[in-house]
Amino acid sequence: QVQLVESGGGLVQAGGSLRLSCAASGRTFSIKVMGWFHQAPGKEREFVAAIVWNGVSRYYADSVKGRFTISRDNANNTVYLEMNNLKPEDTAAYYCAASRIYCSVYDCNQDNIYSDWGQGTQVTVSV
């Protein structure tokens, strides 16, 4: 099992930036892909970004392309989500997830391939 702990959320004005972190522990050798999802109140959980653990492939939701960057530090088993030019519609709880199988552009955005999830960190963007 993999344990995931997110941090870095907070309140920021529109146009501002935040960097989320997700620290993995436990059976980290089993991780193949790390992803970020978000869920706003009353809405379904949505894919934000994913990175294959070797760092070669990264995938983004269309809504965040050009604004968000996912990266990883394998030595510290940590994945980051750099969020720039934040918009009020980015307001949500952000969850880190780990997959033990590889995925591609066709399925890295599917939450059912991720087996381990963090507790979430809240991001609120004010107008």
Foldseek 3Di string as FASTA:
>chain_A
DKAKAKDWADEEAAQAKIKMKIFIDDPLVLFQKKFKWWDAPPGDIWGAKMAGPVRPDIDGDPVQPPFWDWDDDVVRRMIMIIGGRDDQVVWTWMKMFTASDDDDNVDPGPPVRTDYIYPTDTHGYHD
